[in-house]
Amino acid sequence: MSRAGHQHSGMRKAGMDAAATALGMSTSDLLAARKSGQSLASIAQAKGVSIESLTAVISAALTKADPSLSADRAQQIAQRMINGPGSAGSTVGGVDHDGDRR
């Protein structure tokens, strides 16, 4: 895997780990819920976590995983992770809804 591939994989893991913590669940449970078709937005709503709060937590984790990432870019990726693959404009610059490359 290329350096960029490792970096995006690390960003995705960091974002999902942060989301799981914010949602009060394990990363493996969160990934299982995502595989079953639930979006982070729907999980957050069910858990009473605001989208704004979840976006901030994921954005911070993404920026920590890749310090070269701008705050605006981290927020865009976080929003796509939260809204899921069916959201309008689910990619930005080749990065898909869960923060990795297509």
N, C-alpha and C. Protein backbone atom coordinates (compact mmCIF):
# COMPACT_ATOMS: atom_id res chain seq x y z
N MET A 1 0.85 -1.18 0.00
CA MET A 1 0.00 0.00 0.00
C MET A 1 0.89 1.24 0.00
N SER A 2 0.51 2.24 -0.73
CA SER A 2 1.31 3.46 -0.80
C SER A 2 1.22 4.25 0.49
N ARG A 3 2.13 5.20 0.64
CA ARG A 3 2.12 6.07 1.82
C ARG A 3 0.78 6.77 1.93
N ALA A 4 0.24 7.27 0.83
CA ALA A 4 -1.05 7.94 0.85
C ALA A 4 -2.15 6.98 1.27
N GLY A 5 -2.07 5.73 0.84
CA GLY A 5 -3.06 4.73 1.23
C GLY A 5 -3.03 4.46 2.72
N HIS A 6 -1.80 4.36 3.27
CA HIS A 6 -1.67 4.17 4.72
C HIS A 6 -2.21 5.37 5.47
N GLN A 7 -1.93 6.56 4.96
CA GLN A 7 -2.37 7.78 5.62
C GLN A 7 -3.89 7.85 5.65
N HIS A 8 -4.54 7.53 4.54
CA HIS A 8 -6.00 7.59 4.50
C HIS A 8 -6.62 6.49 5.35
N SER A 9 -5.99 5.34 5.38
CA SER A 9 -6.47 4.26 6.24
C SER A 9 -6.39 4.68 7.70
N GLY A 10 -5.30 5.32 8.07
CA GLY A 10 -5.13 5.82 9.43
C GLY A 10 -6.14 6.90 9.77
N MET A 11 -6.42 7.76 8.81
CA MET A 11 -7.43 8.80 9.02
C MET A 11 -8.80 8.18 9.23
N ARG A 12 -9.13 7.19 8.41
CA ARG A 12 -10.44 6.54 8.53
C ARG A 12 -10.58 5.89 9.89
N LYS A 13 -9.54 5.16 10.31
CA LYS A 13 -9.58 4.50 11.61
C LYS A 13 -9.72 5.53 12.73
N ALA A 14 -8.95 6.60 12.66
CA ALA A 14 -9.02 7.64 13.69
C ALA A 14 -10.42 8.25 13.76
N GLY A 15 -11.00 8.51 12.60
CA GLY A 15 -12.35 9.09 12.56
C GLY A 15 -13.39 8.15 13.12
N MET A 16 -13.30 6.87 12.76
CA MET A 16 -14.27 5.89 13.26
C MET A 16 -14.09 5.63 14.74
N ASP A 17 -12.85 5.58 15.21
CA ASP A 17 -12.60 5.40 16.65
C ASP A 17 -13.18 6.57 17.44
N ALA A 18 -12.97 7.79 16.94
CA ALA A 18 -13.48 8.98 17.63
C ALA A 18 -15.01 8.99 17.61
N ALA A 19 -15.59 8.61 16.48
CA ALA A 19 -17.06 8.56 16.38
C ALA A 19 -17.62 7.54 17.37
N ALA A 20 -16.99 6.37 17.44
CA ALA A 20 -17.46 5.32 18.34
C ALA A 20 -17.44 5.81 19.79
N THR A 21 -16.35 6.45 20.17
CA THR A 21 -16.23 6.98 21.53
C THR A 21 -17.33 8.00 21.80
N ALA A 22 -17.52 8.92 20.86
CA ALA A 22 -18.55 9.96 21.02
C ALA A 22 -19.95 9.36 21.11
N LEU A 23 -20.15 8.23 20.45
CA LEU A 23 -21.46 7.59 20.43
C LEU A 23 -21.62 6.55 21.55
N GLY A 24 -20.59 6.39 22.37
CA GLY A 24 -20.67 5.47 23.50
C GLY A 24 -20.73 4.01 23.10
N MET A 25 -19.99 3.66 22.06
CA MET A 25 -19.97 2.27 21.61
C MET A 25 -18.57 1.89 21.16
N SER A 26 -18.35 0.60 20.99
CA SER A 26 -17.04 0.15 20.51
C SER A 26 -16.94 0.42 19.01
N THR A 27 -15.71 0.52 18.55
CA THR A 27 -15.50 0.71 17.11
C THR A 27 -16.06 -0.48 16.33
N SER A 28 -15.88 -1.70 16.84
CA SER A 28 -16.39 -2.86 16.13
C SER A 28 -17.92 -2.85 16.05
N ASP A 29 -18.59 -2.41 17.13
CA ASP A 29 -20.05 -2.30 17.08
C ASP A 29 -20.49 -1.22 16.09
N LEU A 30 -19.73 -0.11 16.06
CA LEU A 30 -20.06 0.96 15.12
C LEU A 30 -19.87 0.47 13.68
N LEU A 31 -18.79 -0.22 13.41
CA LEU A 31 -18.55 -0.74 12.06
C LEU A 31 -19.62 -1.74 11.65
N ALA A 32 -20.06 -2.57 12.60
CA ALA A 32 -21.13 -3.54 12.31
C ALA A 32 -22.43 -2.81 11.99
N ALA A 33 -22.73 -1.75 12.73
CA ALA A 33 -23.94 -0.96 12.45
C ALA A 33 -23.85 -0.31 11.07
N ARG A 34 -22.67 0.18 10.72
CA ARG A 34 -22.48 0.80 9.40
C ARG A 34 -22.65 -0.24 8.31
N LYS A 35 -22.11 -1.46 8.52
CA LYS A 35 -22.26 -2.52 7.53
C LYS A 35 -23.71 -2.92 7.34
N SER A 36 -24.50 -2.79 8.39
CA SER A 36 -25.91 -3.15 8.29
C SER A 36 -26.74 -2.03 7.65
N GLY A 37 -26.07 -0.95 7.24
CA GLY A 37 -26.75 0.10 6.50
C GLY A 37 -27.07 1.36 7.28
N GLN A 38 -26.71 1.41 8.55
CA GLN A 38 -26.99 2.60 9.34
C GLN A 38 -25.94 3.66 9.07
N SER A 39 -26.37 4.90 8.96
CA SER A 39 -25.42 6.01 8.82
C SER A 39 -25.00 6.48 10.21
N LEU A 40 -23.87 7.16 10.26
CA LEU A 40 -23.46 7.75 11.53
C LEU A 40 -24.51 8.75 12.01
N ALA A 41 -25.14 9.44 11.08
CA ALA A 41 -26.19 10.41 11.46
C ALA A 41 -27.35 9.72 12.17
N SER A 42 -27.79 8.58 11.64
CA SER A 42 -28.92 7.89 12.26
C SER A 42 -28.54 7.30 13.61
N ILE A 43 -27.31 6.82 13.73
CA ILE A 43 -26.84 6.29 15.01
C ILE A 43 -26.75 7.42 16.03
N ALA A 44 -26.19 8.55 15.60
CA ALA A 44 -26.08 9.70 16.51
C ALA A 44 -27.46 10.15 16.99
N GLN A 45 -28.42 10.22 16.08
CA GLN A 45 -29.76 10.62 16.44
C GLN A 45 -30.35 9.66 17.48
N ALA A 46 -30.18 8.37 17.27
CA ALA A 46 -30.70 7.36 18.20
C ALA A 46 -30.02 7.45 19.57
N LYS A 47 -28.77 7.88 19.58
CA LYS A 47 -28.00 7.97 20.83
C LYS A 47 -28.11 9.35 21.48
N GLY A 48 -28.80 10.30 20.82
CA GLY A 48 -28.95 11.64 21.36
C GLY A 48 -27.70 12.50 21.26
N VAL A 49 -26.85 12.20 20.27
CA VAL A 49 -25.63 12.97 20.04
C VAL A 49 -25.87 13.91 18.86
N SER A 50 -25.57 15.18 19.03
CA SER A 50 -25.81 16.13 17.94
C SER A 50 -24.82 15.90 16.81
N ILE A 51 -25.27 16.19 15.61
CA ILE A 51 -24.43 16.07 14.42
C ILE A 51 -23.25 17.04 14.53
N GLU A 52 -23.49 18.22 15.06
CA GLU A 52 -22.42 19.22 15.21
C GLU A 52 -21.33 18.70 16.13
N SER A 53 -21.72 18.09 17.24
CA SER A 53 -20.76 17.53 18.18
C SER A 53 -19.98 16.39 17.54
N LEU A 54 -20.67 15.50 16.85
CA LEU A 54 -20.02 14.38 16.20
C LEU A 54 -19.06 14.86 15.11
N THR A 55 -19.48 15.86 14.35
CA THR A 55 -18.61 16.44 13.32
C THR A 55 -17.33 16.99 13.94
N ALA A 56 -17.47 17.70 15.03
CA ALA A 56 -16.30 18.29 15.70
C ALA A 56 -15.34 17.22 16.20
N VAL A 57 -15.87 16.17 16.79
CA VAL A 57 -15.04 15.08 17.32
C VAL A 57 -14.29 14.38 16.19
N ILE A 58 -15.00 14.05 15.12
CA ILE A 58 -14.36 13.37 13.99
C ILE A 58 -13.35 14.28 13.31
N SER A 59 -13.69 15.54 13.11
CA SER A 59 -12.77 16.50 12.49
C SER A 59 -11.47 16.60 13.27
N ALA A 60 -11.59 16.68 14.59
CA ALA A 60 -10.39 16.77 15.43
C ALA A 60 -9.53 15.52 15.29
N ALA A 61 -10.16 14.36 15.25
CA ALA A 61 -9.41 13.10 15.10
C ALA A 61 -8.72 13.03 13.75
N LEU A 62 -9.40 13.48 12.70
CA LEU A 62 -8.81 13.47 11.36
C LEU A 62 -7.61 14.40 11.29
N THR A 63 -7.73 15.57 11.89
CA THR A 63 -6.63 16.54 11.89
C THR A 63 -5.45 16.02 12.69
N LYS A 64 -5.74 15.32 13.78
CA LYS A 64 -4.66 14.73 14.58
C LYS A 64 -3.96 13.62 13.80
N ALA A 65 -4.73 12.83 13.06
CA ALA A 65 -4.16 11.74 12.26
C ALA A 65 -3.35 12.25 11.08
N ASP A 66 -3.74 13.42 10.56
CA ASP A 66 -3.03 14.02 9.42
C ASP A 66 -2.92 15.52 9.66
N PRO A 67 -1.86 15.94 10.35
CA PRO A 67 -1.71 17.36 10.68
C PRO A 67 -1.67 18.29 9.47
N SER A 68 -1.40 17.76 8.28
CA SER A 68 -1.37 18.62 7.09
C SER A 68 -2.79 18.93 6.58
N LEU A 69 -3.78 18.25 7.13
CA LEU A 69 -5.17 18.44 6.72
C LEU A 69 -5.70 19.75 7.31
N SER A 70 -6.29 20.59 6.47
CA SER A 70 -6.86 21.84 6.99
C SER A 70 -8.11 21.54 7.80
N ALA A 71 -8.47 22.45 8.67
CA ALA A 71 -9.68 22.29 9.50
C ALA A 71 -10.92 22.18 8.61
N ASP A 72 -10.98 22.99 7.55
CA ASP A 72 -12.13 22.94 6.65
C ASP A 72 -12.23 21.59 5.95
N ARG A 73 -11.10 21.07 5.51
CA ARG A 73 -11.07 19.78 4.81
C ARG A 73 -11.47 18.65 5.76
N ALA A 74 -10.96 18.70 6.99
CA ALA A 74 -11.31 17.69 7.98
C ALA A 74 -12.81 17.72 8.26
N GLN A 75 -13.37 18.92 8.32
CA GLN A 75 -14.81 19.04 8.57
C GLN A 75 -15.61 18.48 7.38
N GLN A 76 -15.16 18.74 6.17
CA GLN A 76 -15.85 18.20 4.98
C GLN A 76 -15.84 16.67 5.00
N ILE A 77 -14.70 16.08 5.31
CA ILE A 77 -14.60 14.62 5.35
C ILE A 77 -15.49 14.07 6.46
N ALA A 78 -15.45 14.72 7.62
CA ALA A 78 -16.28 14.27 8.75
C ALA A 78 -17.76 14.31 8.39
N GLN A 79 -18.19 15.37 7.74
CA GLN A 79 -19.60 15.48 7.34
C GLN A 79 -19.98 14.36 6.38
N ARG A 80 -19.09 13.99 5.48
CA ARG A 80 -19.38 12.90 4.54
C ARG A 80 -19.40 11.55 5.24
N MET A 81 -18.54 11.39 6.24
CA MET A 81 -18.58 10.17 7.03
C MET A 81 -19.93 10.05 7.75
N ILE A 82 -20.39 11.15 8.28
CA ILE A 82 -21.64 11.16 9.06
C ILE A 82 -22.85 10.95 8.17
N ASN A 83 -22.88 11.60 7.03
CA ASN A 83 -24.06 11.54 6.16
C ASN A 83 -24.17 10.25 5.36
N GLY A 84 -23.08 9.54 5.21
CA GLY A 84 -23.11 8.25 4.53
C GLY A 84 -22.95 8.36 3.04
N PRO A 85 -22.85 7.20 2.39
CA PRO A 85 -22.54 7.14 0.97
C PRO A 85 -23.64 7.69 0.08
N GLY A 86 -24.86 7.76 0.54
CA GLY A 86 -25.95 8.24 -0.29
C GLY A 86 -26.12 9.74 -0.26
N SER A 87 -25.28 10.44 0.51
CA SER A 87 -25.44 11.89 0.63
C SER A 87 -24.99 12.57 -0.64
N ALA A 88 -25.59 13.70 -0.92
CA ALA A 88 -25.21 14.47 -2.10
C ALA A 88 -23.76 14.87 -1.99
N GLY A 89 -23.02 14.68 -3.08
CA GLY A 89 -21.61 15.07 -3.09
C GLY A 89 -20.80 14.31 -2.07
N SER A 90 -20.94 12.99 -2.04
CA SER A 90 -20.30 12.21 -0.99
C SER A 90 -18.79 12.07 -1.15
N THR A 91 -18.22 12.68 -2.16
CA THR A 91 -16.76 12.68 -2.25
C THR A 91 -16.25 14.10 -2.41
N VAL A 92 -15.08 14.31 -1.89
CA VAL A 92 -14.37 15.57 -2.05
C VAL A 92 -12.94 15.23 -2.38
N GLY A 93 -12.47 15.63 -3.51
CA GLY A 93 -11.09 15.40 -3.88
C GLY A 93 -10.67 13.94 -3.84
N GLY A 94 -11.60 13.03 -4.20
CA GLY A 94 -11.26 11.63 -4.25
C GLY A 94 -11.39 10.90 -2.93
N VAL A 95 -11.78 11.60 -1.86
CA VAL A 95 -11.96 10.97 -0.57
C VAL A 95 -13.44 10.70 -0.39
N ASP A 96 -13.79 9.46 -0.08
CA ASP A 96 -15.20 9.13 -0.01
C ASP A 96 -15.79 9.37 1.38
N HIS A 97 -17.02 8.93 1.58
CA HIS A 97 -17.78 9.25 2.78
C HIS A 97 -17.13 8.82 4.09
N ASP A 98 -16.31 7.83 4.09
CA ASP A 98 -15.72 7.40 5.33
C ASP A 98 -14.24 7.78 5.44
N GLY A 99 -13.82 8.74 4.61
CA GLY A 99 -12.52 9.34 4.76
C GLY A 99 -11.38 8.68 4.03
N ASP A 100 -11.67 7.67 3.24
CA ASP A 100 -10.59 7.05 2.48
C ASP A 100 -10.77 7.30 0.99
N ARG A 101 -9.77 6.91 0.25
CA ARG A 101 -9.83 7.13 -1.20
C ARG A 101 -10.79 6.14 -1.83
N ARG A 102 -11.48 6.57 -2.89
CA ARG A 102 -12.38 5.69 -3.63
C ARG A 102 -11.63 4.57 -4.23
